[in-house]
Amino acid sequence: MSWLDIDIHDPTRILRMATEPLLSPGPLGSFDDSGAIGCWIVEHGGIERLYYQGWTLGITVGFYAAIGAAERPAGRPDLPFERVSPGPIIDRCMQEPLFVADPAVLIEGQRFRMWYQSGRKWTLQDGNALPSYDIHYAESTDGIRWTIEGTSALTFEHPGEVAIARFCPLREADGSYKAWYSYRGNDWGYRIGYATSRDGLVWTRRDELAGIHNDPESWEGTMVCYPFVFDTEIGRLMLYNGGRYGDAGLGMAILEQD
């Protein structure tokens, strides 16, 4: 996992890039020995905590995924993260039998709230095992030990839809919630969707209002995916990927106000 600094007023201008990884894959046999993907950072009690997705390669299926956590002192962006434990904080269990991945975490008072990717099923298509996943919800009092009940937060609505990923929730000043995410089918590429909620538990999908669509004639090609939405001095911005699962690069969009 790495990082770069960009000029928010001129996103094509790179100010700095990492020379060392922030987090590397774990040791052989661990839950993240095939990859460690940074997903979300929160600051709490003078500590920055990274929630990340660990990968191991499978045999009957392509991969297994679990959720890990790593920490560093707040305000030290050049320091690498150190794992809080050699094992995952959330893994396959009775309530989540296939895989868990891609966490997003908000801290509200004494409560940590997580929305994460939950494996639904694997299916064989032309001899290949294809995953299906949507979004589930969990809570914690310390951000490390989570109560996992398999609670559904956002699931499929479109014909042929098989996957929802990179759920990015925001809590607004009035206490309501908005979220952006990726969704796709096996026969069509990722698009960016949008949902609203009064409590963060029950979500209404409003994908037609996501505000961003891919341009097949542009650098984005067949997909726009993996959004991250955040507020800045110049407005609400979205980082996202274009191309096949992001292989075309990183883009930035700004919310246009009416």
C-alpha atoms as a PDB file:
ATOM      1  CA  MET A   1       0.000   0.000   0.000  1.00  0.00           C
ATOM      2  CA  SER A   2       1.390   3.405  -0.977  1.00  0.00           C
ATOM      3  CA  TRP A   3       0.444   7.113  -1.101  1.00  0.00           C
ATOM      4  CA  LEU A   4       0.872  10.369  -2.986  1.00  0.00           C
ATOM      5  CA  ASP A   5       0.111  14.048  -2.339  1.00  0.00           C
ATOM      6  CA  ILE A   6      -1.653  16.039  -5.049  1.00  0.00           C
ATOM      7  CA  ASP A   7      -2.496  19.709  -5.424  1.00  0.00           C
ATOM      8  CA  ILE A   8      -6.227  19.841  -4.735  1.00  0.00           C
ATOM      9  CA  HIS A   9      -6.541  22.929  -6.959  1.00  0.00           C
ATOM     10  CA  ASP A  10      -4.679  21.173  -9.803  1.00  0.00           C
ATOM     11  CA  PRO A  11      -5.167  17.404  -9.393  1.00  0.00           C
ATOM     12  CA  THR A  12      -2.791  16.599 -12.256  1.00  0.00           C
ATOM     13  CA  ARG A  13       0.073  18.086 -10.205  1.00  0.00           C
ATOM     14  CA  ILE A  14       1.731  15.512  -7.944  1.00  0.00           C
ATOM     15  CA  LEU A  15       3.513  17.102  -4.973  1.00  0.00           C
ATOM     16  CA  ARG A  16       5.053  14.032  -3.344  1.00  0.00           C
ATOM     17  CA  MET A  17       5.066  10.268  -3.701  1.00  0.00           C
ATOM     18  CA  ALA A  18       5.935   7.544  -1.233  1.00  0.00           C
ATOM     19  CA  THR A  19       9.344   5.935  -1.378  1.00  0.00           C
ATOM     20  CA  GLU A  20       8.420   3.118   1.018  1.00  0.00           C
ATOM     21  CA  PRO A  21       5.142   1.192   1.407  1.00  0.00           C
ATOM     22  CA  LEU A  22       2.771   2.118   4.212  1.00  0.00           C
ATOM     23  CA  LEU A  23       1.836  -1.537   4.646  1.00  0.00           C
ATOM     24  CA  SER A  24       3.226  -4.630   2.940  1.00  0.00           C
ATOM     25  CA  PRO A  25       1.713  -8.131   2.578  1.00  0.00           C
ATOM     26  CA  GLY A  26       1.931 -10.322   5.653  1.00  0.00           C
ATOM     27  CA  PRO A  27       4.137 -13.378   6.199  1.00  0.00           C
ATOM     28  CA  LEU A  28       3.614 -16.634   4.348  1.00  0.00           C
ATOM     29  CA  GLY A  29       0.441 -18.363   5.451  1.00  0.00           C
ATOM     30  CA  SER A  30      -1.182 -15.285   6.979  1.00  0.00           C
ATOM     31  CA  PHE A  31      -4.548 -13.898   5.948  1.00  0.00           C
ATOM     32  CA  ASP A  32      -2.854 -11.106   3.941  1.00  0.00           C
ATOM     33  CA  ASP A  33       0.172 -12.884   2.446  1.00  0.00           C
ATOM     34  CA  SER A  34      -1.053 -12.228  -1.108  1.00  0.00           C
ATOM     35  CA  GLY A  35      -1.936  -8.565  -0.684  1.00  0.00           C
ATOM     36  CA  ALA A  36      -2.931  -5.769   1.688  1.00  0.00           C
ATOM     37  CA  ILE A  37      -5.326  -3.162   0.268  1.00  0.00           C
ATOM     38  CA  GLY A  38      -5.942   0.041   2.235  1.00  0.00           C
ATOM     39  CA  CYS A  39      -9.655   0.820   2.546  1.00  0.00           C
ATOM     40  CA  TRP A  40     -10.384   3.377   5.288  1.00  0.00           C
ATOM     41  CA  ILE A  41      -8.580   5.482   7.922  1.00  0.00           C
ATOM     42  CA  VAL A  42     -10.082   6.900  11.134  1.00  0.00           C
ATOM     43  CA  GLU A  43      -8.447   9.025  13.838  1.00  0.00           C
ATOM     44  CA  HIS A  44      -9.254   8.213  17.461  1.00  0.00           C
ATOM     45  CA  GLY A  45      -7.405   8.969  20.681  1.00  0.00           C
ATOM     46  CA  GLY A  46      -4.304  10.306  18.955  1.00  0.00           C
ATOM     47  CA  ILE A  47      -4.016   7.235  16.727  1.00  0.00           C
ATOM     48  CA  GLU A  48      -4.699   6.813  13.020  1.00  0.00           C
ATOM     49  CA  ARG A  49      -6.186   3.393  12.395  1.00  0.00           C
ATOM     50  CA  LEU A  50      -6.143   1.852   8.939  1.00  0.00           C
ATOM     51  CA  TYR A  51      -8.791  -0.727   8.109  1.00  0.00           C
ATOM     52  CA  TYR A  52      -7.558  -2.854   5.245  1.00  0.00           C
ATOM     53  CA  GLN A  53      -8.417  -5.871   3.155  1.00  0.00           C
ATOM     54  CA  GLY A  54      -6.118  -8.882   3.286  1.00  0.00           C
ATOM     55  CA  TRP A  55      -5.953 -11.407   0.444  1.00  0.00           C
ATOM     56  CA  THR A  56      -4.900 -15.025   0.172  1.00  0.00           C
ATOM     57  CA  LEU A  57      -5.070 -17.061  -3.020  1.00  0.00           C
ATOM     58  CA  GLY A  58      -7.481 -19.956  -3.255  1.00  0.00           C
ATOM     59  CA  ILE A  59      -7.615 -23.230  -5.183  1.00  0.00           C
ATOM     60  CA  THR A  60     -11.297 -23.973  -5.756  1.00  0.00           C
ATOM     61  CA  VAL A  61     -11.977 -20.216  -5.880  1.00  0.00           C
ATOM     62  CA  GLY A  62      -9.668 -17.370  -6.821  1.00  0.00           C
ATOM     63  CA  PHE A  63      -9.197 -15.763  -3.414  1.00  0.00           C
ATOM     64  CA  TYR A  64     -10.172 -15.447   0.213  1.00  0.00           C
ATOM     65  CA  ALA A  65     -10.456 -12.033   1.859  1.00  0.00           C
ATOM     66  CA  ALA A  66     -10.602 -10.792   5.445  1.00  0.00           C
ATOM     67  CA  ILE A  67     -10.373  -7.465   7.267  1.00  0.00           C
ATOM     68  CA  GLY A  68      -7.314  -6.335   9.203  1.00  0.00           C
ATOM     69  CA  ALA A  69      -6.334  -3.221  11.144  1.00  0.00           C
ATOM     70  CA  ALA A  70      -3.066  -1.329  11.513  1.00  0.00           C
ATOM     71  CA  GLU A  71      -2.138   1.849  13.404  1.00  0.00           C
ATOM     72  CA  ARG A  72       0.317   4.740  13.608  1.00  0.00           C
ATOM     73  CA  PRO A  73       0.485   8.005  15.604  1.00  0.00           C
ATOM     74  CA  ALA A  74      -1.871  10.701  14.285  1.00  0.00           C
ATOM     75  CA  GLY A  75      -0.244  13.518  12.348  1.00  0.00           C
ATOM     76  CA  ARG A  76       2.641  11.388  11.056  1.00  0.00           C
ATOM     77  CA  PRO A  77       1.615  10.689   7.441  1.00  0.00           C
ATOM     78  CA  ASP A  78       5.077   9.507   6.391  1.00  0.00           C
ATOM     79  CA  LEU A  79       5.210   6.705   8.970  1.00  0.00           C
ATOM     80  CA  PRO A  80       4.227   3.169   7.971  1.00  0.00           C
ATOM     81  CA  PHE A  81       1.331   1.438   9.701  1.00  0.00           C
ATOM     82  CA  GLU A  82       1.889  -1.372  12.197  1.00  0.00           C
ATOM     83  CA  ARG A  83      -0.607  -4.237  12.387  1.00  0.00           C
ATOM     84  CA  VAL A  84      -2.620  -4.434  15.595  1.00  0.00           C
ATOM     85  CA  SER A  85      -2.446  -8.235  15.361  1.00  0.00           C
ATOM     86  CA  PRO A  86      -1.023 -10.882  13.012  1.00  0.00           C
ATOM     87  CA  GLY A  87      -4.546 -12.127  12.319  1.00  0.00           C
ATOM     88  CA  PRO A  88      -7.657 -10.412  10.935  1.00  0.00           C
ATOM     89  CA  ILE A  89     -10.135  -8.488  13.070  1.00  0.00           C
ATOM     90  CA  ILE A  90     -13.020  -9.902  10.969  1.00  0.00           C
ATOM     91  CA  ASP A  91     -12.879 -13.152   8.989  1.00  0.00           C
ATOM     92  CA  ARG A  92     -15.172 -15.901   7.774  1.00  0.00           C
ATOM     93  CA  CYS A  93     -17.534 -17.077  10.497  1.00  0.00           C
ATOM     94  CA  MET A  94     -20.997 -18.521  11.014  1.00  0.00           C
ATOM     95  CA  GLN A  95     -22.642 -15.271   9.919  1.00  0.00           C
ATOM     96  CA  GLU A  96     -20.198 -14.614   7.051  1.00  0.00           C
ATOM     97  CA  PRO A  97     -19.251 -17.995   5.572  1.00  0.00           C
ATOM     98  CA  LEU A  98     -17.523 -16.910   2.340  1.00  0.00           C
ATOM     99  CA  PHE A  99     -15.483 -13.717   2.762  1.00  0.00           C
ATOM    100  CA  VAL A 100     -15.505 -10.191   4.206  1.00  0.00           C
ATOM    101  CA  ALA A 101     -13.689  -7.234   2.661  1.00  0.00           C
ATOM    102  CA  ASP A 102     -13.517  -3.529   1.839  1.00  0.00           C
ATOM    103  CA  PRO A 103     -14.530  -1.910   5.177  1.00  0.00           C
ATOM    104  CA  ALA A 104     -15.714   1.680   5.705  1.00  0.00           C
ATOM    105  CA  VAL A 105     -15.854   2.924   9.308  1.00  0.00           C
ATOM    106  CA  LEU A 106     -17.475   5.949  10.967  1.00  0.00           C
ATOM    107  CA  ILE A 107     -17.060   6.819  14.665  1.00  0.00           C
ATOM    108  CA  GLU A 108     -20.200   8.218  16.286  1.00  0.00           C
ATOM    109  CA  GLY A 109     -19.771   8.950  19.985  1.00  0.00           C
ATOM    110  CA  GLN A 110     -18.763   5.693  21.668  1.00  0.00           C
ATOM    111  CA  ARG A 111     -19.868   3.602  18.711  1.00  0.00           C
ATOM    112  CA  PHE A 112     -17.845   2.407  15.741  1.00  0.00           C
ATOM    113  CA  ARG A 113     -19.983   1.643  12.676  1.00  0.00           C
ATOM    114  CA  MET A 114     -18.718  -0.474   9.782  1.00  0.00           C
ATOM    115  CA  TRP A 115     -20.163  -1.131   6.345  1.00  0.00           C
ATOM    116  CA  TYR A 116     -18.307  -3.933   4.567  1.00  0.00           C
ATOM    117  CA  GLN A 117     -18.369  -6.203   1.560  1.00  0.00           C
ATOM    118  CA  SER A 118     -19.967  -9.594   2.255  1.00  0.00           C
ATOM    119  CA  GLY A 119     -19.531 -12.623   0.024  1.00  0.00           C
ATOM    120  CA  ARG A 120     -22.876 -13.884  -1.243  1.00  0.00           C
ATOM    121  CA  LYS A 121     -21.890 -16.878  -3.368  1.00  0.00           C
ATOM    122  CA  TRP A 122     -19.450 -18.195  -5.963  1.00  0.00           C
ATOM    123  CA  THR A 123     -20.748 -19.428  -9.312  1.00  0.00           C
ATOM    124  CA  LEU A 124     -19.043 -21.276 -12.160  1.00  0.00           C
ATOM    125  CA  GLN A 125     -19.124 -19.629 -15.588  1.00  0.00           C
ATOM    126  CA  ASP A 126     -17.129 -21.179 -18.443  1.00  0.00           C
ATOM    127  CA  GLY A 127     -15.057 -23.020 -15.874  1.00  0.00           C
ATOM    128  CA  ASN A 128     -14.223 -19.885 -13.858  1.00  0.00           C
ATOM    129  CA  ALA A 129     -15.403 -19.271 -10.295  1.00  0.00           C
ATOM    130  CA  LEU A 130     -16.990 -15.798 -10.104  1.00  0.00           C
ATOM    131  CA  PRO A 131     -17.739 -14.049  -6.803  1.00  0.00           C
ATOM    132  CA  SER A 132     -20.898 -12.224  -5.789  1.00  0.00           C
ATOM    133  CA  TYR A 133     -21.030  -9.723  -2.912  1.00  0.00           C
ATOM    134  CA  ASP A 134     -23.094  -6.928  -1.396  1.00  0.00           C
ATOM    135  CA  ILE A 135     -22.871  -4.690   1.693  1.00  0.00           C
ATOM    136  CA  HIS A 136     -23.381  -5.718   5.324  1.00  0.00           C
ATOM    137  CA  TYR A 137     -23.180  -3.753   8.586  1.00  0.00           C
ATOM    138  CA  ALA A 138     -21.527  -4.271  11.993  1.00  0.00           C
ATOM    139  CA  GLU A 139     -20.857  -2.327  15.213  1.00  0.00           C
ATOM    140  CA  SER A 140     -18.106  -2.154  17.831  1.00  0.00           C
ATOM    141  CA  THR A 141     -17.271  -0.253  21.017  1.00  0.00           C
ATOM    142  CA  ASP A 142     -13.503  -0.176  20.375  1.00  0.00           C
ATOM    143  CA  GLY A 143     -13.159  -0.561  16.592  1.00  0.00           C
ATOM    144  CA  ILE A 144     -11.288  -3.862  16.934  1.00  0.00           C
ATOM    145  CA  ARG A 145     -13.782  -6.380  18.340  1.00  0.00           C
ATOM    146  CA  TRP A 146     -16.904  -6.347  16.204  1.00  0.00           C
ATOM    147  CA  THR A 147     -20.385  -7.781  16.648  1.00  0.00           C
ATOM    148  CA  ILE A 148     -21.047  -9.658  13.414  1.00  0.00           C
ATOM    149  CA  GLU A 149     -24.685 -10.564  12.788  1.00  0.00           C
ATOM    150  CA  GLY A 150     -24.747 -10.662   8.986  1.00  0.00           C
ATOM    151  CA  THR A 151     -26.933  -7.537   8.887  1.00  0.00           C
ATOM    152  CA  SER A 152     -27.727  -6.509   5.306  1.00  0.00           C
ATOM    153  CA  ALA A 153     -27.254  -2.817   4.498  1.00  0.00           C
ATOM    154  CA  LEU A 154     -27.406  -2.580   0.686  1.00  0.00           C
ATOM    155  CA  THR A 155     -28.187  -5.296  -1.837  1.00  0.00           C
ATOM    156  CA  PHE A 156     -29.008  -5.861  -5.507  1.00  0.00           C
ATOM    157  CA  GLU A 157     -31.727  -4.088  -7.461  1.00  0.00           C
ATOM    158  CA  HIS A 158     -30.694  -4.176 -11.126  1.00  0.00           C
ATOM    159  CA  PRO A 159     -31.163  -7.113 -13.539  1.00  0.00           C
ATOM    160  CA  GLY A 160     -27.967  -9.132 -13.716  1.00  0.00           C
ATOM    161  CA  GLU A 161     -26.350  -7.304 -10.782  1.00  0.00           C
ATOM    162  CA  VAL A 162     -23.915  -9.509  -8.852  1.00  0.00           C
ATOM    163  CA  ALA A 163     -21.559  -7.195  -6.952  1.00  0.00           C
ATOM    164  CA  ILE A 164     -21.532  -4.034  -4.834  1.00  0.00           C
ATOM    165  CA  ALA A 165     -18.162  -2.732  -3.665  1.00  0.00           C
ATOM    166  CA  ARG A 166     -16.324   0.263  -2.204  1.00  0.00           C
ATOM    167  CA  PHE A 167     -19.221   1.556  -0.101  1.00  0.00           C
ATOM    168  CA  CYS A 168     -18.361   5.134   0.948  1.00  0.00           C
ATOM    169  CA  PRO A 169     -20.784   6.566   3.553  1.00  0.00           C
ATOM    170  CA  LEU A 170     -20.962  10.193   4.740  1.00  0.00           C
ATOM    171  CA  ARG A 171     -22.945  11.505   7.704  1.00  0.00           C
ATOM    172  CA  GLU A 172     -24.452  14.906   6.977  1.00  0.00           C
ATOM    173  CA  ALA A 173     -24.898  17.773   9.453  1.00  0.00           C
ATOM    174  CA  ASP A 174     -28.599  16.947   9.892  1.00  0.00           C
ATOM    175  CA  GLY A 175     -27.781  13.364  10.930  1.00  0.00           C
ATOM    176  CA  SER A 176     -28.814  11.741   7.652  1.00  0.00           C
ATOM    177  CA  TYR A 177     -26.483   9.647   5.501  1.00  0.00           C
ATOM    178  CA  LYS A 178     -25.407   9.488   1.892  1.00  0.00           C
ATOM    179  CA  ALA A 179     -23.232   6.856   0.259  1.00  0.00           C
ATOM    180  CA  TRP A 180     -21.544   6.191  -3.061  1.00  0.00           C
ATOM    181  CA  TYR A 181     -20.380   2.744  -4.224  1.00  0.00           C
ATOM    182  CA  SER A 182     -19.604   0.569  -7.244  1.00  0.00           C
ATOM    183  CA  TYR A 183     -22.014  -1.987  -8.674  1.00  0.00           C
ATOM    184  CA  ARG A 184     -21.699  -4.364 -11.631  1.00  0.00           C
ATOM    185  CA  GLY A 185     -22.921  -7.492 -13.342  1.00  0.00           C
ATOM    186  CA  ASN A 186     -20.921 -10.370 -14.755  1.00  0.00           C
ATOM    187  CA  ASP A 187     -21.778  -9.075 -18.238  1.00  0.00           C
ATOM    188  CA  TRP A 188     -21.392  -5.326 -17.644  1.00  0.00           C
ATOM    189  CA  GLY A 189     -18.724  -3.303 -15.918  1.00  0.00           C
ATOM    190  CA  TYR A 190     -18.755  -1.286 -12.730  1.00  0.00           C
ATOM    191  CA  ARG A 191     -20.881   1.840 -12.448  1.00  0.00           C
ATOM    192  CA  ILE A 192     -21.050   4.262  -9.539  1.00  0.00           C
ATOM    193  CA  GLY A 193     -24.236   4.235  -7.503  1.00  0.00           C
ATOM    194  CA  TYR A 194     -25.726   6.417  -4.800  1.00  0.00           C
ATOM    195  CA  ALA A 195     -27.990   5.781  -1.789  1.00  0.00           C
ATOM    196  CA  THR A 196     -29.504   7.730   1.098  1.00  0.00           C
ATOM    197  CA  SER A 197     -30.486   6.744   4.634  1.00  0.00           C
ATOM    198  CA  ARG A 198     -31.943   8.304   7.751  1.00  0.00           C
ATOM    199  CA  ASP A 199     -30.050   6.041  10.161  1.00  0.00           C
ATOM    200  CA  GLY A 200     -27.245   4.320   8.235  1.00  0.00           C
ATOM    201  CA  LEU A 201     -29.082   1.014   8.484  1.00  0.00           C
ATOM    202  CA  VAL A 202     -31.919   1.205   5.963  1.00  0.00           C
ATOM    203  CA  TRP A 203     -30.741   2.572   2.621  1.00  0.00           C
ATOM    204  CA  THR A 204     -32.682   3.708  -0.447  1.00  0.00           C
ATOM    205  CA  ARG A 205     -30.808   3.299  -3.702  1.00  0.00           C
ATOM    206  CA  ARG A 206     -30.913   6.326  -6.032  1.00  0.00           C
ATOM    207  CA  ASP A 207     -28.305   5.259  -8.571  1.00  0.00           C
ATOM    208  CA  GLU A 208     -29.654   7.604 -11.236  1.00  0.00           C
ATOM    209  CA  LEU A 209     -28.595  10.507  -8.965  1.00  0.00           C
ATOM    210  CA  ALA A 210     -24.988   9.377  -8.493  1.00  0.00           C
ATOM    211  CA  GLY A 211     -23.834  12.372 -10.534  1.00  0.00           C
ATOM    212  CA  ILE A 212     -21.139  10.545 -12.473  1.00  0.00           C
ATOM    213  CA  HIS A 213     -21.282   8.180 -15.420  1.00  0.00           C
ATOM    214  CA  ASN A 214     -18.504   6.652 -17.462  1.00  0.00           C
ATOM    215  CA  ASP A 215     -17.612   8.016 -20.893  1.00  0.00           C
ATOM    216  CA  PRO A 216     -16.598   5.053 -23.089  1.00  0.00           C
ATOM    217  CA  GLU A 217     -14.794   7.436 -25.459  1.00  0.00           C
ATOM    218  CA  SER A 218     -12.652   8.928 -22.674  1.00  0.00           C
ATOM    219  CA  TRP A 219      -9.773   7.545 -20.616  1.00  0.00           C
ATOM    220  CA  GLU A 220     -12.372   5.896 -18.359  1.00  0.00           C
ATOM    221  CA  GLY A 221     -13.304   3.347 -21.006  1.00  0.00           C
ATOM    222  CA  THR A 222     -15.761   0.667 -19.903  1.00  0.00           C
ATOM    223  CA  MET A 223     -15.906   1.382 -16.161  1.00  0.00           C
ATOM    224  CA  VAL A 224     -15.967   3.986 -13.440  1.00  0.00           C
ATOM    225  CA  CYS A 225     -15.509   2.416 -10.024  1.00  0.00           C
ATOM    226  CA  TYR A 226     -14.266   2.516  -6.411  1.00  0.00           C
ATOM    227  CA  PRO A 227     -15.441   6.008  -5.365  1.00  0.00           C
ATOM    228  CA  PHE A 228     -14.208   7.856  -2.288  1.00  0.00           C
ATOM    229  CA  VAL A 229     -16.148  11.052  -1.463  1.00  0.00           C
ATOM    230  CA  PHE A 230     -14.867  13.729   0.918  1.00  0.00           C
ATOM    231  CA  ASP A 231     -15.383  17.401   1.743  1.00  0.00           C
ATOM    232  CA  THR A 232     -12.675  20.031   1.161  1.00  0.00           C
ATOM    233  CA  GLU A 233     -12.206  23.791   1.093  1.00  0.00           C
ATOM    234  CA  ILE A 234     -13.200  23.806  -2.568  1.00  0.00           C
ATOM    235  CA  GLY A 235     -16.263  21.593  -2.205  1.00  0.00           C
ATOM    236  CA  ARG A 236     -17.263  17.931  -2.128  1.00  0.00           C
ATOM    237  CA  LEU A 237     -14.897  15.810  -4.194  1.00  0.00           C
ATOM    238  CA  MET A 238     -14.886  12.233  -5.433  1.00  0.00           C
ATOM    239  CA  LEU A 239     -11.803  10.178  -6.174  1.00  0.00           C
ATOM    240  CA  TYR A 240     -12.541   7.252  -8.461  1.00  0.00           C
ATOM    241  CA  ASN A 241     -10.942   4.775 -10.838  1.00  0.00           C
ATOM    242  CA  GLY A 242     -11.513   4.314 -14.543  1.00  0.00           C
ATOM    243  CA  GLY A 243     -10.951   1.410 -16.881  1.00  0.00           C
ATOM    244  CA  ARG A 244     -11.155  -2.304 -16.199  1.00  0.00           C
ATOM    245  CA  TYR A 245     -11.143  -2.474 -12.383  1.00  0.00           C
ATOM    246  CA  GLY A 246      -9.197   0.781 -12.327  1.00  0.00           C
ATOM    247  CA  ASP A 247      -6.357  -0.131 -14.691  1.00  0.00           C
ATOM    248  CA  ALA A 248      -6.767   3.160 -16.603  1.00  0.00           C
ATOM    249  CA  GLY A 249      -5.928   5.301 -13.581  1.00  0.00           C
ATOM    250  CA  LEU A 250      -7.320   7.695 -11.004  1.00  0.00           C
ATOM    251  CA  GLY A 251      -9.817  10.488 -11.586  1.00  0.00           C
ATOM    252  CA  MET A 252     -11.325  13.305  -9.532  1.00  0.00           C
ATOM    253  CA  ALA A 253     -14.764  14.885  -9.814  1.00  0.00           C
ATOM    254  CA  ILE A 254     -16.348  17.801  -7.945  1.00  0.00           C
ATOM    255  CA  LEU A 255     -19.994  18.033  -6.944  1.00  0.00           C
ATOM    256  CA  GLU A 256     -21.780  20.687  -8.977  1.00  0.00           C
ATOM    257  CA  GLN A 257     -24.140  22.789  -6.881  1.00  0.00           C
ATOM    258  CA  ASP A 258     -27.523  23.808  -8.283  1.00  0.00           C
END
